[in-house]
Each structure stands twice: as C-alpha cells, then as structure tokens.
Amino acid sequence: RTAAINDLLINPLTTLQSGEAGTFKFDGDLLNSGSRIDIGGFQANLGFKIFNARIAGLDTIGSPLSILDPMDKFPHNLNNTASIGIGGKPLRFAASILFFLNGDEDQQLRNEVDISLDLS
C-alpha cells in the first residue's frame, strides 16, 4: 500500500513539472562534451552527450515511512526510512547517451543508447 505523501505532495509536484504523475523529466542535454582530436594525422571530432533524462515511479513510496523521527537512545540522531517501488511499480532512472566520432566522409561513428535502471 502506498503512503499518503504520494497523493499530497509527489503527484502534484511531478504532474506540474512533467505532466505525468510520479515522473520528473529533464528534457534536453544534461551533459554535452566534445573536442577535436589529432592523433598521428587522424583528425576527428569526438563527442559524448547525456540527454532526455527522467525519473519515474516517484509516487511509489509506501510503508514503512518515517521522516525526521527522533531515536530514543541517540538524542542527536534522526531516523529516516522509506520504501520505494511499492505495488509492483519500480523506481526508474532513464536517459539517452550519445557517443560520436566524426572524421572525414569515410570515418563516421555514432552510437545512441537508451538506458534505464529499475529499483524495487
């Protein structure tokens, strides 16, 4: 069973940001790096990019849930506990990654990969 914080806080915030309950979207580039290389007469542009990232399943918080809970034997410590990925829906981190190497017309390399990591 999911916690009330999903309906009270997480779903409204994520819907406002992405239009989708429980999901944050980061459209565009998170990292975009490139340089010109020259190795023994081989010249090319080399690049690496991470883009269109998203975190889904943020609305799967359930019991046990404890935030800023004082600990009896340790008065200066606070306990924070949360279960995420409740109800068969995992917490998912996803992004697209692009690697490219552009030399002359005969030397073109472009690899684009969509990756995701599910936690439950």
Protein backbone atom coordinates (compact mmCIF):
# COMPACT_ATOMS: atom_id res chain seq x y z
CA ARG A 1 0.00 0.00 0.00
CA THR A 2 1.37 3.41 -0.92
CA ALA A 3 1.68 6.30 1.53
CA ALA A 4 -0.46 9.46 1.59
CA ILE A 5 2.60 11.57 0.69
CA ASN A 6 2.23 10.31 -2.88
CA ASP A 7 -1.18 11.96 -3.33
CA LEU A 8 -0.48 15.01 -1.17
CA LEU A 9 2.98 16.03 -2.38
CA ILE A 10 4.67 13.87 -5.01
CA ASN A 11 1.89 13.54 -7.60
CA PRO A 12 1.04 17.27 -7.68
CA LEU A 13 4.71 18.31 -7.93
CA THR A 14 5.63 15.79 -10.60
CA THR A 15 2.47 16.47 -12.61
CA LEU A 16 3.25 20.19 -12.52
CA GLN A 17 6.82 19.62 -13.72
CA SER A 18 6.32 16.88 -16.34
CA GLY A 19 2.60 16.49 -16.93
CA GLU A 20 2.87 12.91 -15.66
CA ALA A 21 2.17 11.86 -12.06
CA GLY A 22 5.21 10.35 -10.35
CA THR A 23 7.68 11.37 -13.07
CA PHE A 24 10.29 14.10 -13.33
CA LYS A 25 11.52 14.79 -16.88
CA PHE A 26 14.72 16.60 -17.77
CA ASP A 27 14.41 17.29 -21.50
CA GLY A 28 17.47 18.43 -23.35
CA ASP A 29 21.14 17.99 -22.51
CA LEU A 30 22.39 17.12 -19.04
CA LEU A 31 25.95 16.75 -20.31
CA ASN A 32 27.30 17.70 -23.71
CA SER A 33 31.04 17.46 -24.20
CA GLY A 34 33.18 17.32 -27.28
CA SER A 35 36.64 18.07 -28.59
CA ARG A 36 38.79 17.93 -31.68
CA ILE A 37 41.45 15.23 -31.71
CA ASP A 38 44.57 14.86 -33.84
CA ILE A 39 46.43 11.58 -33.43
CA GLY A 40 49.15 10.72 -35.94
CA GLY A 41 47.44 12.54 -38.78
CA PHE A 42 43.97 11.26 -37.90
CA GLN A 43 41.75 14.23 -37.18
CA ALA A 44 38.20 13.96 -35.89
CA ASN A 45 35.56 15.45 -33.65
CA LEU A 46 34.83 13.34 -30.59
CA GLY A 47 31.70 13.84 -28.51
CA PHE A 48 29.70 12.48 -25.60
CA LYS A 49 26.21 13.54 -24.57
CA ILE A 50 23.65 12.53 -21.94
CA PHE A 51 20.15 13.83 -22.61
CA ASN A 52 16.41 13.42 -22.03
CA ALA A 53 16.74 12.01 -18.53
CA ARG A 54 13.74 11.01 -16.43
CA ILE A 55 12.95 9.61 -13.02
CA ALA A 56 9.69 7.63 -12.91
CA GLY A 57 7.91 5.82 -10.11
CA LEU A 58 8.46 8.54 -7.52
CA ASP A 59 4.84 8.01 -6.47
CA THR A 60 5.55 4.50 -5.17
CA ILE A 61 6.51 5.41 -1.59
CA GLY A 62 4.93 3.09 0.95
CA SER A 63 5.27 1.70 4.45
CA PRO A 64 7.44 1.84 6.38
CA LEU A 65 7.79 5.60 6.04
CA SER A 66 9.48 7.64 8.75
CA ILE A 67 10.90 11.13 8.24
CA LEU A 68 12.92 13.03 10.87
CA ASP A 69 11.94 10.52 13.58
CA PRO A 70 13.94 11.04 16.82
CA MET A 71 15.80 7.99 18.12
CA ASP A 72 15.35 7.16 21.82
CA LYS A 73 18.92 6.08 22.62
CA PHE A 74 20.59 8.62 20.33
CA PRO A 75 19.11 12.08 21.05
CA HIS A 76 21.18 13.84 18.36
CA ASN A 77 20.21 11.44 15.57
CA LEU A 78 17.11 11.36 13.40
CA ASN A 79 15.84 8.27 11.62
CA ASN A 80 14.64 8.48 8.01
CA THR A 81 13.14 5.36 6.42
CA ALA A 82 11.22 4.98 3.18
CA SER A 83 10.17 2.09 0.99
CA ILE A 84 10.13 2.97 -2.70
CA GLY A 85 8.90 0.76 -5.52
CA ILE A 86 5.75 -0.44 -3.75
CA GLY A 87 2.89 -2.02 -5.66
CA GLY A 88 4.91 -3.66 -8.41
CA LYS A 89 5.96 -0.34 -9.98
CA PRO A 90 9.74 0.23 -9.71
CA LEU A 91 11.62 3.47 -9.27
CA ARG A 92 13.18 4.02 -12.70
CA PHE A 93 16.09 6.21 -13.77
CA ALA A 94 16.44 6.58 -17.56
CA ALA A 95 18.42 8.64 -20.04
CA SER A 96 19.75 8.63 -23.58
CA ILE A 97 23.50 8.55 -24.22
CA LEU A 98 25.22 9.53 -27.46
CA PHE A 99 28.84 8.90 -28.41
CA PHE A 100 30.18 10.08 -31.75
CA LEU A 101 33.43 10.25 -33.66
CA ASN A 102 33.38 12.24 -36.92
CA GLY A 103 36.45 12.14 -39.14
CA ASP A 104 36.27 12.58 -42.89
CA GLU A 105 33.40 11.25 -45.04
CA ASP A 106 34.52 7.61 -44.63
CA GLN A 107 35.04 7.80 -40.87
CA GLN A 108 31.74 8.40 -39.12
CA LEU A 109 30.75 6.68 -35.88
CA ARG A 110 27.56 7.43 -33.98
CA ASN A 111 26.17 5.30 -31.16
CA GLU A 112 22.99 6.31 -29.34
CA VAL A 113 21.74 4.18 -26.47
CA ASP A 114 18.69 4.46 -24.21
CA ILE A 115 19.45 3.12 -20.75
CA SER A 116 17.34 2.63 -17.64
CA LEU A 117 17.81 1.33 -14.14
CA ASP A 118 14.84 -0.08 -12.18
CA LEU A 119 14.90 -0.27 -8.38
CA SER A 120 12.21 -2.01 -6.36
